[in-house]
Amino acid sequence: MRRGDLYRVPRPSAKDPKRFRVFVVVSRQSLIDSRYSSVVCGAVYSNRAGLTTEVPVGIDEGLKHDNCIRCDELVSLRKSELTNYVGSLTRPQINELNRALLIALDIPDNGYQL
C-alpha cells in the first residue's frame, strides 16, 4: 500500500448511498508502513462541486469515468478494508492532492517541500 493508491471499499458508511466508494490513501508513507491499523483516506465522487479542494481522477487511474477526490471529506479507514486496488495517482496528481489538502486543512503554504 502506498500514498496515492486508490481502493474500492464496500459500504464504507451507513450514511453513504453507494454500495461501493473509491478512496485514495493520503496518510504519510511512514504511517502506512507502520503497524498502525488505519490510514487517512480521501473520498472519490463522480460529481464535481468546483471546489479548490477537489483533485480530478479518472480512467487513467483505473476508474470507469471522470471523478474527483474531495479533500474536504477525509476519513480514517482500517487497512484491512483496503483490499480492492483500483489504481494509483501520478506524481503530478499527488502534488495536486498535496495542494488541495493544504487548502482543505487551512495550512499556509510557506514553501514546504511536499
PDB file of N, CA and C in Angstrom:
ATOM      1  N   MET A   1       0.849  -1.176   0.000  1.00  0.00           N
ATOM      2  CA  MET A   1       0.000   0.000   0.000  1.00  0.00           C
ATOM      3  C   MET A   1       0.894   1.238   0.000  1.00  0.00           C
ATOM      4  N   ARG A   2       0.543   2.190  -0.863  1.00  0.00           N
ATOM      5  CA  ARG A   2       1.324   3.417  -0.991  1.00  0.00           C
ATOM      6  C   ARG A   2       0.393   4.631  -0.920  1.00  0.00           C
ATOM      7  N   ARG A   3       0.966   5.752  -0.522  1.00  0.00           N
ATOM      8  CA  ARG A   3       0.222   7.017  -0.558  1.00  0.00           C
ATOM      9  C   ARG A   3      -0.137   7.301  -2.017  1.00  0.00           C
ATOM     10  N   GLY A   4      -1.403   7.636  -2.259  1.00  0.00           N
ATOM     11  CA  GLY A   4      -1.866   7.893  -3.620  1.00  0.00           C
ATOM     12  C   GLY A   4      -2.531   6.694  -4.273  1.00  0.00           C
ATOM     13  N   ASP A   5      -2.553   5.543  -3.591  1.00  0.00           N
ATOM     14  CA  ASP A   5      -3.256   4.374  -4.122  1.00  0.00           C
ATOM     15  C   ASP A   5      -4.758   4.534  -3.936  1.00  0.00           C
ATOM     16  N   LEU A   6      -5.506   4.057  -4.907  1.00  0.00           N
ATOM     17  CA  LEU A   6      -6.973   4.098  -4.881  1.00  0.00           C
ATOM     18  C   LEU A   6      -7.518   2.700  -4.613  1.00  0.00           C
ATOM     19  N   TYR A   7      -8.510   2.623  -3.718  1.00  0.00           N
ATOM     20  CA  TYR A   7      -9.131   1.352  -3.361  1.00  0.00           C
ATOM     21  C   TYR A   7     -10.646   1.494  -3.376  1.00  0.00           C
ATOM     22  N   ARG A   8     -11.311   0.442  -3.833  1.00  0.00           N
ATOM     23  CA  ARG A   8     -12.771   0.379  -3.822  1.00  0.00           C
ATOM     24  C   ARG A   8     -13.189  -0.316  -2.531  1.00  0.00           C
ATOM     25  N   VAL A   9     -14.026   0.370  -1.751  1.00  0.00           N
ATOM     26  CA  VAL A   9     -14.433  -0.134  -0.434  1.00  0.00           C
ATOM     27  C   VAL A   9     -15.944  -0.349  -0.431  1.00  0.00           C
ATOM     28  N   PRO A  10     -16.392  -1.561  -0.069  1.00  0.00           N
ATOM     29  CA  PRO A  10     -17.835  -1.795   0.003  1.00  0.00           C
ATOM     30  C   PRO A  10     -18.455  -1.116   1.219  1.00  0.00           C
ATOM     31  N   ARG A  11     -19.537  -0.403   0.979  1.00  0.00           N
ATOM     32  CA  ARG A  11     -20.359   0.214   2.036  1.00  0.00           C
ATOM     33  C   ARG A  11     -19.510   0.790   3.180  1.00  0.00           C
ATOM     34  N   PRO A  12     -18.722   1.846   2.882  1.00  0.00           N
ATOM     35  CA  PRO A  12     -17.820   2.398   3.896  1.00  0.00           C
ATOM     36  C   PRO A  12     -18.530   3.041   5.082  1.00  0.00           C
ATOM     37  N   SER A  13     -19.784   3.440   4.891  1.00  0.00           N
ATOM     38  CA  SER A  13     -20.546   4.098   5.951  1.00  0.00           C
ATOM     39  C   SER A  13     -22.030   3.822   5.733  1.00  0.00           C
ATOM     40  N   ALA A  14     -22.753   3.714   6.828  1.00  0.00           N
ATOM     41  CA  ALA A  14     -24.197   3.501   6.721  1.00  0.00           C
ATOM     42  C   ALA A  14     -24.883   4.698   6.065  1.00  0.00           C
ATOM     43  N   LYS A  15     -24.259   5.867   6.145  1.00  0.00           N
ATOM     44  CA  LYS A  15     -24.836   7.084   5.570  1.00  0.00           C
ATOM     45  C   LYS A  15     -24.540   7.232   4.078  1.00  0.00           C
ATOM     46  N   ASP A  16     -23.595   6.465   3.559  1.00  0.00           N
ATOM     47  CA  ASP A  16     -23.215   6.575   2.148  1.00  0.00           C
ATOM     48  C   ASP A  16     -24.258   5.864   1.289  1.00  0.00           C
ATOM     49  N   PRO A  17     -24.855   6.562   0.320  1.00  0.00           N
ATOM     50  CA  PRO A  17     -25.890   5.941  -0.511  1.00  0.00           C
ATOM     51  C   PRO A  17     -25.341   4.902  -1.494  1.00  0.00           C
ATOM     52  N   LYS A  18     -24.056   4.925  -1.750  1.00  0.00           N
ATOM     53  CA  LYS A  18     -23.451   3.992  -2.702  1.00  0.00           C
ATOM     54  C   LYS A  18     -23.117   2.660  -2.039  1.00  0.00           C
ATOM     55  N   ARG A  19     -23.209   1.587  -2.823  1.00  0.00           N
ATOM     56  CA  ARG A  19     -22.814   0.267  -2.319  1.00  0.00           C
ATOM     57  C   ARG A  19     -21.302   0.176  -2.185  1.00  0.00           C
ATOM     58  N   PHE A  20     -20.580   0.901  -3.046  1.00  0.00           N
ATOM     59  CA  PHE A  20     -19.122   0.944  -3.026  1.00  0.00           C
ATOM     60  C   PHE A  20     -18.678   2.386  -3.180  1.00  0.00           C
ATOM     61  N   ARG A  21     -17.544   2.712  -2.605  1.00  0.00           N
ATOM     62  CA  ARG A  21     -16.949   4.035  -2.781  1.00  0.00           C
ATOM     63  C   ARG A  21     -15.451   3.836  -2.950  1.00  0.00           C
ATOM     64  N   VAL A  22     -14.852   4.605  -3.840  1.00  0.00           N
ATOM     65  CA  VAL A  22     -13.404   4.576  -4.024  1.00  0.00           C
ATOM     66  C   VAL A  22     -12.788   5.623  -3.107  1.00  0.00           C
ATOM     67  N   PHE A  23     -11.655   5.263  -2.504  1.00  0.00           N
ATOM     68  CA  PHE A  23     -10.906   6.160  -1.623  1.00  0.00           C
ATOM     69  C   PHE A  23      -9.450   6.181  -2.053  1.00  0.00           C
ATOM     70  N   VAL A  24      -8.807   7.310  -1.838  1.00  0.00           N
ATOM     71  CA  VAL A  24      -7.367   7.423  -2.068  1.00  0.00           C
ATOM     72  C   VAL A  24      -6.671   7.534  -0.718  1.00  0.00           C
ATOM     73  N   VAL A  25      -5.561   6.837  -0.548  1.00  0.00           N
ATOM     74  CA  VAL A  25      -4.796   6.880   0.692  1.00  0.00           C
ATOM     75  C   VAL A  25      -3.999   8.182   0.720  1.00  0.00           C
ATOM     76  N   VAL A  26      -4.191   8.979   1.776  1.00  0.00           N
ATOM     77  CA  VAL A  26      -3.476  10.254   1.889  1.00  0.00           C
ATOM     78  C   VAL A  26      -2.512  10.303   3.072  1.00  0.00           C
ATOM     79  N   SER A  27      -2.523   9.293   3.927  1.00  0.00           N
ATOM     80  CA  SER A  27      -1.592   9.265   5.059  1.00  0.00           C
ATOM     81  C   SER A  27      -0.152   9.244   4.564  1.00  0.00           C
ATOM     82  N   ARG A  28       0.757   9.695   5.423  1.00  0.00           N
ATOM     83  CA  ARG A  28       2.181   9.661   5.090  1.00  0.00           C
ATOM     84  C   ARG A  28       2.640   8.203   5.032  1.00  0.00           C
ATOM     85  N   GLN A  29       3.654   7.963   4.214  1.00  0.00           N
ATOM     86  CA  GLN A  29       4.102   6.599   3.975  1.00  0.00           C
ATOM     87  C   GLN A  29       4.591   5.902   5.240  1.00  0.00           C
ATOM     88  N   SER A  30       5.225   6.640   6.147  1.00  0.00           N
ATOM     89  CA  SER A  30       5.722   6.003   7.376  1.00  0.00           C
ATOM     90  C   SER A  30       4.573   5.443   8.222  1.00  0.00           C
ATOM     91  N   LEU A  31       3.413   6.112   8.220  1.00  0.00           N
ATOM     92  CA  LEU A  31       2.254   5.582   8.932  1.00  0.00           C
ATOM     93  C   LEU A  31       1.695   4.360   8.209  1.00  0.00           C
ATOM     94  N   ILE A  32       1.626   4.441   6.893  1.00  0.00           N
ATOM     95  CA  ILE A  32       1.118   3.319   6.093  1.00  0.00           C
ATOM     96  C   ILE A  32       1.958   2.066   6.350  1.00  0.00           C
ATOM     97  N   ASP A  33       3.275   2.248   6.437  1.00  0.00           N
ATOM     98  CA  ASP A  33       4.186   1.126   6.627  1.00  0.00           C
ATOM     99  C   ASP A  33       4.238   0.632   8.073  1.00  0.00           C
ATOM    100  N   SER A  34       3.671   1.385   8.987  1.00  0.00           N
ATOM    101  CA  SER A  34       3.729   1.024  10.405  1.00  0.00           C
ATOM    102  C   SER A  34       2.711  -0.066  10.734  1.00  0.00           C
ATOM    103  N   ARG A  35       2.715  -0.492  11.974  1.00  0.00           N
ATOM    104  CA  ARG A  35       1.753  -1.499  12.437  1.00  0.00           C
ATOM    105  C   ARG A  35       0.414  -0.866  12.807  1.00  0.00           C
ATOM    106  N   TYR A  36       0.302   0.448  12.677  1.00  0.00           N
ATOM    107  CA  TYR A  36      -0.959   1.129  12.960  1.00  0.00           C
ATOM    108  C   TYR A  36      -2.032   0.552  12.048  1.00  0.00           C
ATOM    109  N   SER A  37      -3.226   0.337  12.559  1.00  0.00           N
ATOM    110  CA  SER A  37      -4.244  -0.416  11.820  1.00  0.00           C
ATOM    111  C   SER A  37      -5.067   0.400  10.826  1.00  0.00           C
ATOM    112  N   SER A  38      -4.993   1.738  10.864  1.00  0.00           N
ATOM    113  CA  SER A  38      -5.818   2.534   9.952  1.00  0.00           C
ATOM    114  C   SER A  38      -4.991   3.634   9.292  1.00  0.00           C
ATOM    115  N   VAL A  39      -5.552   4.167   8.212  1.00  0.00           N
ATOM    116  CA  VAL A  39      -4.923   5.250   7.464  1.00  0.00           C
ATOM    117  C   VAL A  39      -5.988   6.295   7.124  1.00  0.00           C
ATOM    118  N   VAL A  40      -5.549   7.500   6.833  1.00  0.00           N
ATOM    119  CA  VAL A  40      -6.464   8.566   6.420  1.00  0.00           C
ATOM    120  C   VAL A  40      -6.634   8.482   4.905  1.00  0.00           C
ATOM    121  N   CYS A  41      -7.890   8.594   4.469  1.00  0.00           N
ATOM    122  CA  CYS A  41      -8.214   8.487   3.052  1.00  0.00           C
ATOM    123  C   CYS A  41      -9.143   9.621   2.630  1.00  0.00           C
ATOM    124  N   GLY A  42      -9.086   9.950   1.357  1.00  0.00           N
ATOM    125  CA  GLY A  42      -9.991  10.931   0.775  1.00  0.00           C
ATOM    126  C   GLY A  42     -11.011  10.232  -0.100  1.00  0.00           C
ATOM    127  N   ALA A  43     -12.264  10.650   0.004  1.00  0.00           N
ATOM    128  CA  ALA A  43     -13.352  10.044  -0.765  1.00  0.00           C
ATOM    129  C   ALA A  43     -13.337  10.523  -2.210  1.00  0.00           C
ATOM    130  N   VAL A  44     -13.696   9.625  -3.117  1.00  0.00           N
ATOM    131  CA  VAL A  44     -13.786   9.935  -4.541  1.00  0.00           C
ATOM    132  C   VAL A  44     -15.263   9.991  -4.924  1.00  0.00           C
ATOM    133  N   TYR A  45     -15.631  11.060  -5.629  1.00  0.00           N
ATOM    134  CA  TYR A  45     -17.025  11.270  -6.048  1.00  0.00           C
ATOM    135  C   TYR A  45     -17.101  11.464  -7.558  1.00  0.00           C
ATOM    136  N   SER A  46     -18.221  11.067  -8.133  1.00  0.00           N
ATOM    137  CA  SER A  46     -18.395  11.206  -9.575  1.00  0.00           C
ATOM    138  C   SER A  46     -18.830  12.606  -9.989  1.00  0.00           C
ATOM    139  N   ASN A  47     -19.413  13.356  -9.073  1.00  0.00           N
ATOM    140  CA  ASN A  47     -19.824  14.722  -9.424  1.00  0.00           C
ATOM    141  C   ASN A  47     -18.864  15.724  -8.791  1.00  0.00           C
ATOM    142  N   ARG A  48     -18.612  16.793  -9.534  1.00  0.00           N
ATOM    143  CA  ARG A  48     -17.703  17.831  -9.069  1.00  0.00           C
ATOM    144  C   ARG A  48     -18.505  19.025  -8.585  1.00  0.00           C
ATOM    145  N   ALA A  49     -18.027  19.631  -7.504  1.00  0.00           N
ATOM    146  CA  ALA A  49     -18.673  20.821  -6.956  1.00  0.00           C
ATOM    147  C   ALA A  49     -17.907  22.083  -7.334  1.00  0.00           C
ATOM    148  N   GLY A  50     -16.764  21.931  -8.000  1.00  0.00           N
ATOM    149  CA  GLY A  50     -15.967  23.078  -8.413  1.00  0.00           C
ATOM    150  C   GLY A  50     -15.134  23.672  -7.289  1.00  0.00           C
ATOM    151  N   LEU A  51     -14.850  22.889  -6.266  1.00  0.00           N
ATOM    152  CA  LEU A  51     -14.068  23.368  -5.124  1.00  0.00           C
ATOM    153  C   LEU A  51     -12.573  23.286  -5.407  1.00  0.00           C
ATOM    154  N   THR A  52     -11.803  24.176  -4.797  1.00  0.00           N
ATOM    155  CA  THR A  52     -10.350  24.141  -4.942  1.00  0.00           C
ATOM    156  C   THR A  52      -9.741  22.957  -4.205  1.00  0.00           C
ATOM    157  N   THR A  53     -10.543  22.272  -3.425  1.00  0.00           N
ATOM    158  CA  THR A  53     -10.083  21.109  -2.660  1.00  0.00           C
ATOM    159  C   THR A  53     -10.382  19.793  -3.370  1.00  0.00           C
ATOM    160  N   GLU A  54     -10.783  19.865  -4.630  1.00  0.00           N
ATOM    161  CA  GLU A  54     -11.050  18.673  -5.424  1.00  0.00           C
ATOM    162  C   GLU A  54      -9.878  18.399  -6.367  1.00  0.00           C
ATOM    163  N   VAL A  55      -9.559  17.131  -6.532  1.00  0.00           N
ATOM    164  CA  VAL A  55      -8.486  16.704  -7.435  1.00  0.00           C
ATOM    165  C   VAL A  55      -9.094  15.754  -8.465  1.00  0.00           C
ATOM    166  N   PRO A  56      -9.003  16.101  -9.751  1.00  0.00           N
ATOM    167  CA  PRO A  56      -9.595  15.237 -10.770  1.00  0.00           C
ATOM    168  C   PRO A  56      -8.843  13.906 -10.906  1.00  0.00           C
ATOM    169  N   VAL A  57      -9.609  12.830 -11.066  1.00  0.00           N
ATOM    170  CA  VAL A  57      -9.087  11.493 -11.347  1.00  0.00           C
ATOM    171  C   VAL A  57     -10.041  10.828 -12.328  1.00  0.00           C
ATOM    172  N   GLY A  58      -9.569   9.788 -13.003  1.00  0.00           N
ATOM    173  CA  GLY A  58     -10.450   9.164 -13.983  1.00  0.00           C
ATOM    174  C   GLY A  58      -9.952   7.839 -14.501  1.00  0.00           C
ATOM    175  N   ILE A  59     -10.178   7.625 -15.787  1.00  0.00           N
ATOM    176  CA  ILE A  59      -9.891   6.354 -16.431  1.00  0.00           C
ATOM    177  C   ILE A  59      -8.413   5.973 -16.307  1.00  0.00           C
ATOM    178  N   ASP A  60      -7.518   6.939 -16.442  1.00  0.00           N
ATOM    179  CA  ASP A  60      -6.078   6.656 -16.354  1.00  0.00           C
ATOM    180  C   ASP A  60      -5.678   6.100 -14.989  1.00  0.00           C
ATOM    181  N   GLU A  61      -6.490   6.342 -13.976  1.00  0.00           N
ATOM    182  CA  GLU A  61      -6.210   5.859 -12.620  1.00  0.00           C
ATOM    183  C   GLU A  61      -6.999   4.583 -12.292  1.00  0.00           C
ATOM    184  N   GLY A  62      -7.642   4.005 -13.288  1.00  0.00           N
ATOM    185  CA  GLY A  62      -8.359   2.751 -13.092  1.00  0.00           C
ATOM    186  C   GLY A  62      -9.838   2.896 -12.809  1.00  0.00           C
ATOM    187  N   LEU A  63     -10.363   4.120 -12.913  1.00  0.00           N
ATOM    188  CA  LEU A  63     -11.789   4.355 -12.667  1.00  0.00           C
ATOM    189  C   LEU A  63     -12.575   4.238 -13.969  1.00  0.00           C
ATOM    190  N   LYS A  64     -13.885   4.073 -13.878  1.00  0.00           N
ATOM    191  CA  LYS A  64     -14.722   3.892 -15.061  1.00  0.00           C
ATOM    192  C   LYS A  64     -14.994   5.191 -15.813  1.00  0.00           C
ATOM    193  N   HIS A  65     -14.928   6.331 -15.104  1.00  0.00           N
ATOM    194  CA  HIS A  65     -15.191   7.627 -15.721  1.00  0.00           C
ATOM    195  C   HIS A  65     -14.533   8.713 -14.891  1.00  0.00           C
ATOM    196  N   ASP A  66     -14.678   9.957 -15.315  1.00  0.00           N
ATOM    197  CA  ASP A  66     -14.079  11.077 -14.599  1.00  0.00           C
ATOM    198  C   ASP A  66     -14.720  11.249 -13.226  1.00  0.00           C
ATOM    199  N   ASN A  67     -13.894  11.468 -12.238  1.00  0.00           N
ATOM    200  CA  ASN A  67     -14.302  11.644 -10.851  1.00  0.00           C
ATOM    201  C   ASN A  67     -13.427  12.725 -10.231  1.00  0.00           C
ATOM    202  N   CYS A  68     -13.598  12.925  -8.933  1.00  0.00           N
ATOM    203  CA  CYS A  68     -12.698  13.816  -8.214  1.00  0.00           C
ATOM    204  C   CYS A  68     -12.547  13.344  -6.775  1.00  0.00           C
ATOM    205  N   ILE A  69     -11.357  13.587  -6.245  1.00  0.00           N
ATOM    206  CA  ILE A  69     -11.090  13.338  -4.833  1.00  0.00           C
ATOM    207  C   ILE A  69     -11.522  14.593  -4.100  1.00  0.00           C
ATOM    208  N   ARG A  70     -12.314  14.434  -3.070  1.00  0.00           N
ATOM    209  CA  ARG A  70     -12.743  15.581  -2.259  1.00  0.00           C
ATOM    210  C   ARG A  70     -11.918  15.602  -0.974  1.00  0.00           C
ATOM    211  N   CYS A  71     -10.975  16.506  -0.936  1.00  0.00           N
ATOM    212  CA  CYS A  71     -10.069  16.591   0.217  1.00  0.00           C
ATOM    213  C   CYS A  71     -10.742  17.180   1.449  1.00  0.00           C
ATOM    214  N   ASP A  72     -11.964  17.687   1.296  1.00  0.00           N
ATOM    215  CA  ASP A  72     -12.736  18.138   2.454  1.00  0.00           C
ATOM    216  C   ASP A  72     -13.436  16.972   3.139  1.00  0.00           C
ATOM    217  N   GLU A  73     -13.377  15.790   2.542  1.00  0.00           N
ATOM    218  CA  GLU A  73     -14.046  14.616   3.098  1.00  0.00           C
ATOM    219  C   GLU A  73     -13.019  13.526   3.391  1.00  0.00           C
ATOM    220  N   LEU A  74     -12.237  13.746   4.422  1.00  0.00           N
ATOM    221  CA  LEU A  74     -11.235  12.776   4.843  1.00  0.00           C
ATOM    222  C   LEU A  74     -11.828  11.843   5.888  1.00  0.00           C
ATOM    223  N   VAL A  75     -11.470  10.579   5.798  1.00  0.00           N
ATOM    224  CA  VAL A  75     -11.946   9.576   6.752  1.00  0.00           C
ATOM    225  C   VAL A  75     -10.784   8.665   7.134  1.00  0.00           C
ATOM    226  N   SER A  76     -10.934   8.023   8.270  1.00  0.00           N
ATOM    227  CA  SER A  76      -9.977   7.011   8.698  1.00  0.00           C
ATOM    228  C   SER A  76     -10.562   5.643   8.365  1.00  0.00           C
ATOM    229  N   LEU A  77      -9.805   4.848   7.620  1.00  0.00           N
ATOM    230  CA  LEU A  77     -10.247   3.504   7.258  1.00  0.00           C
ATOM    231  C   LEU A  77      -9.219   2.477   7.730  1.00  0.00           C
ATOM    232  N   ARG A  78      -9.711   1.322   8.120  1.00  0.00           N
ATOM    233  CA  ARG A  78      -8.806   0.243   8.503  1.00  0.00           C
ATOM    234  C   ARG A  78      -8.074  -0.255   7.265  1.00  0.00           C
ATOM    235  N   LYS A  79      -6.803  -0.520   7.420  1.00  0.00           N
ATOM    236  CA  LYS A  79      -6.023  -1.043   6.300  1.00  0.00           C
ATOM    237  C   LYS A  79      -6.640  -2.328   5.766  1.00  0.00           C
ATOM    238  N   SER A  80      -7.219  -3.108   6.650  1.00  0.00           N
ATOM    239  CA  SER A  80      -7.830  -4.384   6.238  1.00  0.00           C
ATOM    240  C   SER A  80      -9.016  -4.185   5.295  1.00  0.00           C
ATOM    241  N   GLU A  81      -9.600  -2.979   5.249  1.00  0.00           N
ATOM    242  CA  GLU A  81     -10.703  -2.682   4.328  1.00  0.00           C
ATOM    243  C   GLU A  81     -10.201  -2.331   2.940  1.00  0.00           C
ATOM    244  N   LEU A  82      -8.923  -2.014   2.837  1.00  0.00           N
ATOM    245  CA  LEU A  82      -8.341  -1.547   1.579  1.00  0.00           C
ATOM    246  C   LEU A  82      -7.680  -2.716   0.854  1.00  0.00           C
ATOM    247  N   THR A  83      -8.507  -3.544   0.248  1.00  0.00           N
ATOM    248  CA  THR A  83      -8.009  -4.740  -0.427  1.00  0.00           C
ATOM    249  C   THR A  83      -8.304  -4.748  -1.923  1.00  0.00           C
ATOM    250  N   ASN A  84      -9.278  -3.959  -2.370  1.00  0.00           N
ATOM    251  CA  ASN A  84      -9.674  -3.955  -3.775  1.00  0.00           C
ATOM    252  C   ASN A  84      -8.987  -2.791  -4.488  1.00  0.00           C
ATOM    253  N   TYR A  85      -7.727  -3.009  -4.876  1.00  0.00           N
ATOM    254  CA  TYR A  85      -6.901  -1.982  -5.519  1.00  0.00           C
ATOM    255  C   TYR A  85      -7.483  -1.594  -6.871  1.00  0.00           C
ATOM    256  N   VAL A  86      -7.551  -0.280  -7.121  1.00  0.00           N
ATOM    257  CA  VAL A  86      -8.085   0.243  -8.376  1.00  0.00           C
ATOM    258  C   VAL A  86      -6.979   0.823  -9.243  1.00  0.00           C
ATOM    259  N   GLY A  87      -6.083   1.601  -8.640  1.00  0.00           N
ATOM    260  CA  GLY A  87      -5.012   2.258  -9.387  1.00  0.00           C
ATOM    261  C   GLY A  87      -4.256   3.209  -8.488  1.00  0.00           C
ATOM    262  N   SER A  88      -3.403   4.033  -9.101  1.00  0.00           N
ATOM    263  CA  SER A  88      -2.578   4.970  -8.337  1.00  0.00           C
ATOM    264  C   SER A  88      -2.552   6.336  -8.994  1.00  0.00           C
ATOM    265  N   LEU A  89      -2.325   7.354  -8.181  1.00  0.00           N
ATOM    266  CA  LEU A  89      -2.132   8.705  -8.691  1.00  0.00           C
ATOM    267  C   LEU A  89      -0.717   8.843  -9.244  1.00  0.00           C
ATOM    268  N   THR A  90      -0.574   9.699 -10.235  1.00  0.00           N
ATOM    269  CA  THR A  90       0.749  10.027 -10.760  1.00  0.00           C
ATOM    270  C   THR A  90       1.425  11.032  -9.828  1.00  0.00           C
ATOM    271  N   ARG A  91       2.694  11.254 -10.000  1.00  0.00           N
ATOM    272  CA  ARG A  91       3.415  12.234  -9.175  1.00  0.00           C
ATOM    273  C   ARG A  91       2.783  13.633  -9.305  1.00  0.00           C
ATOM    274  N   PRO A  92       2.454  14.111 -10.513  1.00  0.00           N
ATOM    275  CA  PRO A  92       1.782  15.418 -10.606  1.00  0.00           C
ATOM    276  C   PRO A  92       0.436  15.444  -9.877  1.00  0.00           C
ATOM    277  N   GLN A  93      -0.307  14.353  -9.913  1.00  0.00           N
ATOM    278  CA  GLN A  93      -1.585  14.298  -9.202  1.00  0.00           C
ATOM    279  C   GLN A  93      -1.366  14.315  -7.689  1.00  0.00           C
ATOM    280  N   ILE A  94      -0.321  13.661  -7.216  1.00  0.00           N
ATOM    281  CA  ILE A  94      -0.013  13.703  -5.788  1.00  0.00           C
ATOM    282  C   ILE A  94       0.339  15.124  -5.383  1.00  0.00           C
ATOM    283  N   ASN A  95       1.035  15.857  -6.251  1.00  0.00           N
ATOM    284  CA  ASN A  95       1.318  17.267  -5.970  1.00  0.00           C
ATOM    285  C   ASN A  95       0.021  18.073  -5.884  1.00  0.00           C
ATOM    286  N   GLU A  96      -0.926  17.800  -6.780  1.00  0.00           N
ATOM    287  CA  GLU A  96      -2.248  18.455  -6.720  1.00  0.00           C
ATOM    288  C   GLU A  96      -2.972  18.082  -5.430  1.00  0.00           C
ATOM    289  N   LEU A  97      -2.894  16.801  -5.059  1.00  0.00           N
ATOM    290  CA  LEU A  97      -3.501  16.329  -3.816  1.00  0.00           C
ATOM    291  C   LEU A  97      -2.910  17.076  -2.623  1.00  0.00           C
ATOM    292  N   ASN A  98      -1.591  17.226  -2.605  1.00  0.00           N
ATOM    293  CA  ASN A  98      -0.932  17.943  -1.508  1.00  0.00           C
ATOM    294  C   ASN A  98      -1.436  19.382  -1.405  1.00  0.00           C
ATOM    295  N   ARG A  99      -1.549  20.058  -2.545  1.00  0.00           N
ATOM    296  CA  ARG A  99      -2.049  21.444  -2.544  1.00  0.00           C
ATOM    297  C   ARG A  99      -3.497  21.501  -2.062  1.00  0.00           C
ATOM    298  N   ALA A 100      -4.317  20.564  -2.514  1.00  0.00           N
ATOM    299  CA  ALA A 100      -5.727  20.535  -2.104  1.00  0.00           C
ATOM    300  C   ALA A 100      -5.854  20.255  -0.606  1.00  0.00           C
ATOM    301  N   LEU A 101      -4.993  19.400  -0.071  1.00  0.00           N
ATOM    302  CA  LEU A 101      -5.018  19.116   1.368  1.00  0.00           C
ATOM    303  C   LEU A 101      -4.604  20.341   2.180  1.00  0.00           C
ATOM    304  N   LEU A 102      -3.625  21.088   1.687  1.00  0.00           N
ATOM    305  CA  LEU A 102      -3.236  22.327   2.366  1.00  0.00           C
ATOM    306  C   LEU A 102      -4.429  23.277   2.467  1.00  0.00           C
ATOM    307  N   ILE A 103      -5.166  23.388   1.369  1.00  0.00           N
ATOM    308  CA  ILE A 103      -6.334  24.276   1.342  1.00  0.00           C
ATOM    309  C   ILE A 103      -7.427  23.733   2.273  1.00  0.00           C
ATOM    310  N   ALA A 104      -7.721  22.439   2.158  1.00  0.00           N
ATOM    311  CA  ALA A 104      -8.797  21.832   2.952  1.00  0.00           C
ATOM    312  C   ALA A 104      -8.532  21.934   4.448  1.00  0.00           C
ATOM    313  N   LEU A 105      -7.267  21.818   4.840  1.00  0.00           N
ATOM    314  CA  LEU A 105      -6.918  21.849   6.261  1.00  0.00           C
ATOM    315  C   LEU A 105      -6.475  23.237   6.714  1.00  0.00           C
ATOM    316  N   ASP A 106      -6.569  24.208   5.808  1.00  0.00           N
ATOM    317  CA  ASP A 106      -6.226  25.605   6.096  1.00  0.00           C
ATOM    318  C   ASP A 106      -4.795  25.740   6.636  1.00  0.00           C
ATOM    319  N   ILE A 107      -3.886  25.043   5.974  1.00  0.00           N
ATOM    320  CA  ILE A 107      -2.466  25.102   6.320  1.00  0.00           C
ATOM    321  C   ILE A 107      -1.793  26.061   5.341  1.00  0.00           C
ATOM    322  N   PRO A 108      -1.135  27.114   5.837  1.00  0.00           N
ATOM    323  CA  PRO A 108      -0.489  28.053   4.935  1.00  0.00           C
ATOM    324  C   PRO A 108       0.652  27.375   4.171  1.00  0.00           C
ATOM    325  N   ASP A 109       0.737  27.650   2.901  1.00  0.00           N
ATOM    326  CA  ASP A 109       1.812  27.104   2.079  1.00  0.00           C
ATOM    327  C   ASP A 109       2.999  28.054   2.169  1.00  0.00           C
ATOM    328  N   ASN A 110       3.898  27.740   3.060  1.00  0.00           N
ATOM    329  CA  ASN A 110       5.082  28.570   3.268  1.00  0.00           C
ATOM    330  C   ASN A 110       6.294  28.005   2.546  1.00  0.00           C
ATOM    331  N   GLY A 111       6.039  27.460   1.364  1.00  0.00           N
ATOM    332  CA  GLY A 111       7.121  26.899   0.572  1.00  0.00           C
ATOM    333  C   GLY A 111       7.581  25.542   1.053  1.00  0.00           C
ATOM    334  N   TYR A 112       6.706  24.815   1.732  1.00  0.00           N
ATOM    335  CA  TYR A 112       7.049  23.470   2.181  1.00  0.00           C
ATOM    336  C   TYR A 112       7.337  22.598   0.970  1.00  0.00           C
ATOM    337  N   GLN A 113       8.340  21.758   1.089  1.00  0.00           N
ATOM    338  CA  GLN A 113       8.623  20.782   0.044  1.00  0.00           C
ATOM    339  C   GLN A 113       7.758  19.567   0.294  1.00  0.00           C
ATOM    340  N   LEU A 114       6.824  19.314  -0.621  1.00  0.00           N
ATOM    341  CA  LEU A 114       5.886  18.189  -0.443  1.00  0.00           C
ATOM    342  C   LEU A 114       6.286  17.014  -1.291  1.00  0.00           C
TER     343      LEU A 114
END
